Amino acid sequence: MPLEIPGSWRGVRNRYLAASEVVREYFQPIPALLEEHPWEVSMAFAFSLLERALNTMLYAGTVKLHKAHHQVAHRFVDRHRITRKNFPKLFRNVFGVAVPPEPAANLRAAERFRDRVMHGKDTEDRDKRFALVAVLDYAERMNEFVDQRAGFKPFSNDRRGYTGARAALDESTTAWLMRGLGFAEQDDSEDED
């Protein structure tokens, strides 16, 4: 189902207000940013929180589903260079299923507009509104999807319940697990351009 694109910042704000409480809390500054700043500010903020949630998905998924030692899992996810290209594979490795196709496709389209904005290219306001709505839609759908698969919502400020009641693997075993899932413990400051 294609996303309906609001006609103004008020429409984006209304879409935000129609989101679940957990998504509204996660993206809480969006209404003020929409009203008080250019589109680019809202987009930068929304995509920053999106990337944080993608990291949370992978980290919490390894801890919850694979009993990974939380500190080791956090270190591997934090140091791994997660890209648009490798995220779907990492997600499949951690959760055992692919990212649902429709929200993934909408997010890919939104990322193209985000890239144009962040690289100083001309972009229509309509495309910026679409990008913001697509991020909110992705957050809603992935919260539901991940919650059904693993019992947590990555687009949430509530970080309780990731570890569960089961004993975690030891640190050495977790390091091997993380490598097996496709994570490399590397310093992303050494990334090439």
C-alpha atoms as a PDB file:
ATOM      1  CA  MET A   1       0.000   0.000   0.000  1.00  0.00           C
ATOM      2  CA  PRO A   2       1.647   3.273  -1.100  1.00  0.00           C
ATOM      3  CA  LEU A   3       2.105   5.962   1.502  1.00  0.00           C
ATOM      4  CA  GLU A   4      -0.150   8.977   1.297  1.00  0.00           C
ATOM      5  CA  ILE A   5       1.981  12.116   1.198  1.00  0.00           C
ATOM      6  CA  PRO A   6       0.713  15.009   3.311  1.00  0.00           C
ATOM      7  CA  GLY A   7       0.383  18.389   1.631  1.00  0.00           C
ATOM      8  CA  SER A   8       2.083  20.449   4.354  1.00  0.00           C
ATOM      9  CA  TRP A   9       4.120  20.276   7.555  1.00  0.00           C
ATOM     10  CA  ARG A  10       0.808  20.168   9.432  1.00  0.00           C
ATOM     11  CA  GLY A  11      -0.070  16.969   7.597  1.00  0.00           C
ATOM     12  CA  VAL A  12       3.251  15.420   8.634  1.00  0.00           C
ATOM     13  CA  ARG A  13       2.579  16.559  12.204  1.00  0.00           C
ATOM     14  CA  ASN A  14      -0.878  14.976  12.035  1.00  0.00           C
ATOM     15  CA  ARG A  15       0.674  11.720  10.795  1.00  0.00           C
ATOM     16  CA  TYR A  16       3.056  11.891  13.758  1.00  0.00           C
ATOM     17  CA  LEU A  17       0.121  12.490  16.118  1.00  0.00           C
ATOM     18  CA  ALA A  18      -1.686   9.455  14.665  1.00  0.00           C
ATOM     19  CA  ALA A  19       1.304   7.190  15.435  1.00  0.00           C
ATOM     20  CA  SER A  20       1.371   4.860  18.425  1.00  0.00           C
ATOM     21  CA  GLU A  21       2.348   6.329  21.775  1.00  0.00           C
ATOM     22  CA  VAL A  22       5.715   4.557  21.783  1.00  0.00           C
ATOM     23  CA  VAL A  23       6.635   5.962  18.342  1.00  0.00           C
ATOM     24  CA  ARG A  24       5.447   9.454  19.319  1.00  0.00           C
ATOM     25  CA  GLU A  25       7.642   9.318  22.438  1.00  0.00           C
ATOM     26  CA  TYR A  26      10.621   8.101  20.429  1.00  0.00           C
ATOM     27  CA  PHE A  27      10.309  10.914  17.855  1.00  0.00           C
ATOM     28  CA  GLN A  28       8.960  13.437  20.416  1.00  0.00           C
ATOM     29  CA  PRO A  29      10.684  16.626  19.115  1.00  0.00           C
ATOM     30  CA  ILE A  30       9.341  16.205  15.551  1.00  0.00           C
ATOM     31  CA  PRO A  31       6.278  18.516  15.878  1.00  0.00           C
ATOM     32  CA  ALA A  32       8.353  21.409  17.227  1.00  0.00           C
ATOM     33  CA  LEU A  33      11.062  20.835  14.618  1.00  0.00           C
ATOM     34  CA  LEU A  34       8.477  20.826  11.831  1.00  0.00           C
ATOM     35  CA  GLU A  35       6.946  24.073  13.013  1.00  0.00           C
ATOM     36  CA  GLU A  36      10.098  25.988  13.874  1.00  0.00           C
ATOM     37  CA  HIS A  37      12.787  24.806  11.430  1.00  0.00           C
ATOM     38  CA  PRO A  38      13.356  23.961   7.768  1.00  0.00           C
ATOM     39  CA  TRP A  39      12.538  20.423   6.575  1.00  0.00           C
ATOM     40  CA  GLU A  40      16.200  19.488   6.628  1.00  0.00           C
ATOM     41  CA  VAL A  41      16.349  19.731  10.436  1.00  0.00           C
ATOM     42  CA  SER A  42      13.414  17.365  10.926  1.00  0.00           C
ATOM     43  CA  MET A  43      14.850  14.955   8.379  1.00  0.00           C
ATOM     44  CA  ALA A  44      18.302  14.902   9.979  1.00  0.00           C
ATOM     45  CA  PHE A  45      16.749  14.259  13.375  1.00  0.00           C
ATOM     46  CA  ALA A  46      14.366  11.547  12.138  1.00  0.00           C
ATOM     47  CA  PHE A  47      17.061   9.680  10.202  1.00  0.00           C
ATOM     48  CA  SER A  48      19.457   9.895  13.145  1.00  0.00           C
ATOM     49  CA  LEU A  49      16.877   8.218  15.383  1.00  0.00           C
ATOM     50  CA  LEU A  50      16.120   5.707  12.630  1.00  0.00           C
ATOM     51  CA  GLU A  51      19.755   4.632  12.534  1.00  0.00           C
ATOM     52  CA  ARG A  52      19.867   4.373  16.308  1.00  0.00           C
ATOM     53  CA  ALA A  53      16.842   2.051  16.192  1.00  0.00           C
ATOM     54  CA  LEU A  54      18.437  -0.087  13.462  1.00  0.00           C
ATOM     55  CA  ASN A  55      21.445  -0.596  15.728  1.00  0.00           C
ATOM     56  CA  THR A  56      19.110  -1.361  18.628  1.00  0.00           C
ATOM     57  CA  MET A  57      17.304  -3.969  16.514  1.00  0.00           C
ATOM     58  CA  LEU A  58      20.525  -5.814  15.830  1.00  0.00           C
ATOM     59  CA  TYR A  59      21.979  -5.488  19.327  1.00  0.00           C
ATOM     60  CA  ALA A  60      18.818  -6.407  21.206  1.00  0.00           C
ATOM     61  CA  GLY A  61      17.998  -9.160  18.725  1.00  0.00           C
ATOM     62  CA  THR A  62      21.335 -10.868  19.360  1.00  0.00           C
ATOM     63  CA  VAL A  63      20.902 -10.559  23.112  1.00  0.00           C
ATOM     64  CA  LYS A  64      17.272 -11.640  23.204  1.00  0.00           C
ATOM     65  CA  LEU A  65      17.189 -14.340  20.514  1.00  0.00           C
ATOM     66  CA  HIS A  66      20.736 -15.697  20.679  1.00  0.00           C
ATOM     67  CA  LYS A  67      21.533 -15.160  24.384  1.00  0.00           C
ATOM     68  CA  ALA A  68      24.543 -13.025  23.484  1.00  0.00           C
ATOM     69  CA  HIS A  69      26.506 -11.421  26.306  1.00  0.00           C
ATOM     70  CA  HIS A  70      25.115  -7.881  26.251  1.00  0.00           C
ATOM     71  CA  GLN A  71      28.432  -6.011  26.516  1.00  0.00           C
ATOM     72  CA  VAL A  72      30.121  -8.066  23.806  1.00  0.00           C
ATOM     73  CA  ALA A  73      27.080  -7.813  21.522  1.00  0.00           C
ATOM     74  CA  HIS A  74      26.948  -4.058  22.065  1.00  0.00           C
ATOM     75  CA  ARG A  75      30.649  -3.714  21.264  1.00  0.00           C
ATOM     76  CA  PHE A  76      30.332  -5.702  18.027  1.00  0.00           C
ATOM     77  CA  VAL A  77      27.239  -3.823  16.825  1.00  0.00           C
ATOM     78  CA  ASP A  78      28.696  -0.470  17.836  1.00  0.00           C
ATOM     79  CA  ARG A  79      31.967  -1.081  16.010  1.00  0.00           C
ATOM     80  CA  HIS A  80      30.525  -2.758  12.930  1.00  0.00           C
ATOM     81  CA  ARG A  81      29.960  -0.498   9.932  1.00  0.00           C
ATOM     82  CA  ILE A  82      26.264  -1.040   9.306  1.00  0.00           C
ATOM     83  CA  THR A  83      25.241   0.121   5.852  1.00  0.00           C
ATOM     84  CA  ARG A  84      22.033   0.106   3.858  1.00  0.00           C
ATOM     85  CA  LYS A  85      23.476  -2.733   1.826  1.00  0.00           C
ATOM     86  CA  ASN A  86      24.474  -5.009   4.719  1.00  0.00           C
ATOM     87  CA  PHE A  87      21.634  -4.234   7.160  1.00  0.00           C
ATOM     88  CA  PRO A  88      19.104  -6.577   5.476  1.00  0.00           C
ATOM     89  CA  LYS A  89      21.580  -9.480   5.633  1.00  0.00           C
ATOM     90  CA  LEU A  90      22.456  -8.771   9.265  1.00  0.00           C
ATOM     91  CA  PHE A  91      18.747  -8.491  10.095  1.00  0.00           C
ATOM     92  CA  ARG A  92      18.025 -11.841   8.434  1.00  0.00           C
ATOM     93  CA  ASN A  93      20.946 -13.451  10.269  1.00  0.00           C
ATOM     94  CA  VAL A  94      19.769 -12.152  13.648  1.00  0.00           C
ATOM     95  CA  PHE A  95      15.997 -12.607  13.259  1.00  0.00           C
ATOM     96  CA  GLY A  96      15.846 -15.513  10.830  1.00  0.00           C
ATOM     97  CA  VAL A  97      13.530 -13.644   8.434  1.00  0.00           C
ATOM     98  CA  ALA A  98      13.835 -10.779   5.963  1.00  0.00           C
ATOM     99  CA  VAL A  99      12.784  -7.222   6.674  1.00  0.00           C
ATOM    100  CA  PRO A 100       9.156  -6.941   5.459  1.00  0.00           C
ATOM    101  CA  PRO A 101       9.253  -5.785   1.809  1.00  0.00           C
ATOM    102  CA  GLU A 102       6.785  -2.885   1.829  1.00  0.00           C
ATOM    103  CA  PRO A 103       8.238  -0.807   4.672  1.00  0.00           C
ATOM    104  CA  ALA A 104      11.728  -1.632   3.355  1.00  0.00           C
ATOM    105  CA  ALA A 105      10.824  -0.321  -0.106  1.00  0.00           C
ATOM    106  CA  ASN A 106       9.301   2.874   1.320  1.00  0.00           C
ATOM    107  CA  LEU A 107      12.381   3.416   3.456  1.00  0.00           C
ATOM    108  CA  ARG A 108      14.699   2.946   0.444  1.00  0.00           C
ATOM    109  CA  ALA A 109      12.754   5.638  -1.413  1.00  0.00           C
ATOM    110  CA  ALA A 110      12.924   7.933   1.627  1.00  0.00           C
ATOM    111  CA  GLU A 111      16.675   7.370   1.916  1.00  0.00           C
ATOM    112  CA  ARG A 112      17.173   8.578  -1.653  1.00  0.00           C
ATOM    113  CA  PHE A 113      15.479  11.866  -0.728  1.00  0.00           C
ATOM    114  CA  ARG A 114      17.437  12.031   2.527  1.00  0.00           C
ATOM    115  CA  ASP A 115      20.687  11.629   0.577  1.00  0.00           C
ATOM    116  CA  ARG A 116      19.754  14.422  -1.811  1.00  0.00           C
ATOM    117  CA  VAL A 117      18.959  16.737   1.104  1.00  0.00           C
ATOM    118  CA  MET A 118      22.068  15.858   3.126  1.00  0.00           C
ATOM    119  CA  HIS A 119      24.304  16.317   0.079  1.00  0.00           C
ATOM    120  CA  GLY A 120      22.876  19.750  -0.703  1.00  0.00           C
ATOM    121  CA  LYS A 121      20.942  18.748  -3.824  1.00  0.00           C
ATOM    122  CA  ASP A 122      17.636  20.276  -4.877  1.00  0.00           C
ATOM    123  CA  THR A 123      14.740  18.319  -3.419  1.00  0.00           C
ATOM    124  CA  GLU A 124      11.038  19.096  -3.537  1.00  0.00           C
ATOM    125  CA  ASP A 125       9.214  19.731  -0.250  1.00  0.00           C
ATOM    126  CA  ARG A 126       6.826  16.917  -1.240  1.00  0.00           C
ATOM    127  CA  ASP A 127       9.772  14.484  -1.247  1.00  0.00           C
ATOM    128  CA  LYS A 128      10.880  15.703   2.179  1.00  0.00           C
ATOM    129  CA  ARG A 129       7.360  15.172   3.553  1.00  0.00           C
ATOM    130  CA  PHE A 130       7.353  11.673   2.036  1.00  0.00           C
ATOM    131  CA  ALA A 131      10.704  10.865   3.679  1.00  0.00           C
ATOM    132  CA  LEU A 132       9.448  11.889   7.122  1.00  0.00           C
ATOM    133  CA  VAL A 133       6.196   9.954   6.765  1.00  0.00           C
ATOM    134  CA  ALA A 134       8.113   6.913   5.502  1.00  0.00           C
ATOM    135  CA  VAL A 135      10.354   6.944   8.584  1.00  0.00           C
ATOM    136  CA  LEU A 136       7.308   7.097  10.877  1.00  0.00           C
ATOM    137  CA  ASP A 137       5.608   4.308   8.915  1.00  0.00           C
ATOM    138  CA  TYR A 138       8.768   2.172   9.050  1.00  0.00           C
ATOM    139  CA  ALA A 139       9.015   2.716  12.810  1.00  0.00           C
ATOM    140  CA  GLU A 140       5.421   1.589  13.359  1.00  0.00           C
ATOM    141  CA  ARG A 141       5.709  -1.480  11.159  1.00  0.00           C
ATOM    142  CA  MET A 142       9.102  -2.579  12.444  1.00  0.00           C
ATOM    143  CA  ASN A 143       8.035  -2.129  16.067  1.00  0.00           C
ATOM    144  CA  GLU A 144       5.130  -4.467  15.408  1.00  0.00           C
ATOM    145  CA  PHE A 145       7.195  -6.939  13.370  1.00  0.00           C
ATOM    146  CA  VAL A 146      10.151  -7.124  15.780  1.00  0.00           C
ATOM    147  CA  ASP A 147       7.854  -7.251  18.813  1.00  0.00           C
ATOM    148  CA  GLN A 148       6.089 -10.298  17.324  1.00  0.00           C
ATOM    149  CA  ARG A 149       9.415 -12.015  16.524  1.00  0.00           C
ATOM    150  CA  ALA A 150      11.499 -11.061  19.547  1.00  0.00           C
ATOM    151  CA  GLY A 151       9.343  -9.319  22.161  1.00  0.00           C
ATOM    152  CA  PHE A 152      10.755  -5.791  22.025  1.00  0.00           C
ATOM    153  CA  LYS A 153      10.186  -2.544  20.139  1.00  0.00           C
ATOM    154  CA  PRO A 154      13.342  -0.988  18.676  1.00  0.00           C
ATOM    155  CA  PHE A 155      11.717   2.416  18.108  1.00  0.00           C
ATOM    156  CA  SER A 156      11.181   2.992  21.806  1.00  0.00           C
ATOM    157  CA  ASN A 157      12.802   4.909  24.628  1.00  0.00           C
ATOM    158  CA  ASP A 158      12.082   1.943  26.946  1.00  0.00           C
ATOM    159  CA  ARG A 159      15.163  -0.281  26.991  1.00  0.00           C
ATOM    160  CA  ARG A 160      13.892  -2.840  29.485  1.00  0.00           C
ATOM    161  CA  GLY A 161      13.399  -6.490  28.599  1.00  0.00           C
ATOM    162  CA  TYR A 162      16.137  -6.985  26.010  1.00  0.00           C
ATOM    163  CA  THR A 163      18.039  -9.561  27.977  1.00  0.00           C
ATOM    164  CA  GLY A 164      15.172 -11.740  29.152  1.00  0.00           C
ATOM    165  CA  ALA A 165      15.434 -14.146  32.076  1.00  0.00           C
ATOM    166  CA  ARG A 166      17.806 -16.658  30.466  1.00  0.00           C
ATOM    167  CA  ALA A 167      21.523 -16.872  31.186  1.00  0.00           C
ATOM    168  CA  ALA A 168      23.724 -15.267  28.548  1.00  0.00           C
ATOM    169  CA  LEU A 169      26.566 -16.920  26.708  1.00  0.00           C
ATOM    170  CA  ASP A 170      30.047 -16.200  27.993  1.00  0.00           C
ATOM    171  CA  GLU A 171      32.058 -13.403  26.378  1.00  0.00           C
ATOM    172  CA  SER A 172      34.263 -15.633  24.211  1.00  0.00           C
ATOM    173  CA  THR A 173      31.338 -17.648  22.853  1.00  0.00           C
ATOM    174  CA  THR A 174      29.410 -14.439  22.182  1.00  0.00           C
ATOM    175  CA  ALA A 175      32.329 -13.051  20.180  1.00  0.00           C
ATOM    176  CA  TRP A 176      32.241 -16.155  17.951  1.00  0.00           C
ATOM    177  CA  LEU A 177      28.453 -15.915  17.700  1.00  0.00           C
ATOM    178  CA  MET A 178      28.662 -12.292  16.590  1.00  0.00           C
ATOM    179  CA  ARG A 179      31.238 -13.136  13.930  1.00  0.00           C
ATOM    180  CA  GLY A 180      29.018 -15.986  12.748  1.00  0.00           C
ATOM    181  CA  LEU A 181      26.067 -13.606  12.460  1.00  0.00           C
ATOM    182  CA  GLY A 182      28.165 -11.383  10.178  1.00  0.00           C
ATOM    183  CA  PHE A 183      29.496  -8.721  12.539  1.00  0.00           C
ATOM    184  CA  ALA A 184      33.130  -7.661  12.442  1.00  0.00           C
ATOM    185  CA  GLU A 185      34.638  -5.984  15.443  1.00  0.00           C
ATOM    186  CA  GLN A 186      36.245  -3.035  13.706  1.00  0.00           C
ATOM    187  CA  ASP A 187      36.725   0.616  14.413  1.00  0.00           C
ATOM    188  CA  ASP A 188      34.470   2.508  11.997  1.00  0.00           C
ATOM    189  CA  SER A 189      36.728   5.565  12.257  1.00  0.00           C
ATOM    190  CA  GLU A 190      38.973   3.684   9.816  1.00  0.00           C
ATOM    191  CA  ASP A 191      36.231   3.553   7.142  1.00  0.00           C
ATOM    192  CA  GLU A 192      37.144   4.632   3.688  1.00  0.00           C
ATOM    193  CA  ASP A 193      35.076   7.320   1.981  1.00  0.00           C
END
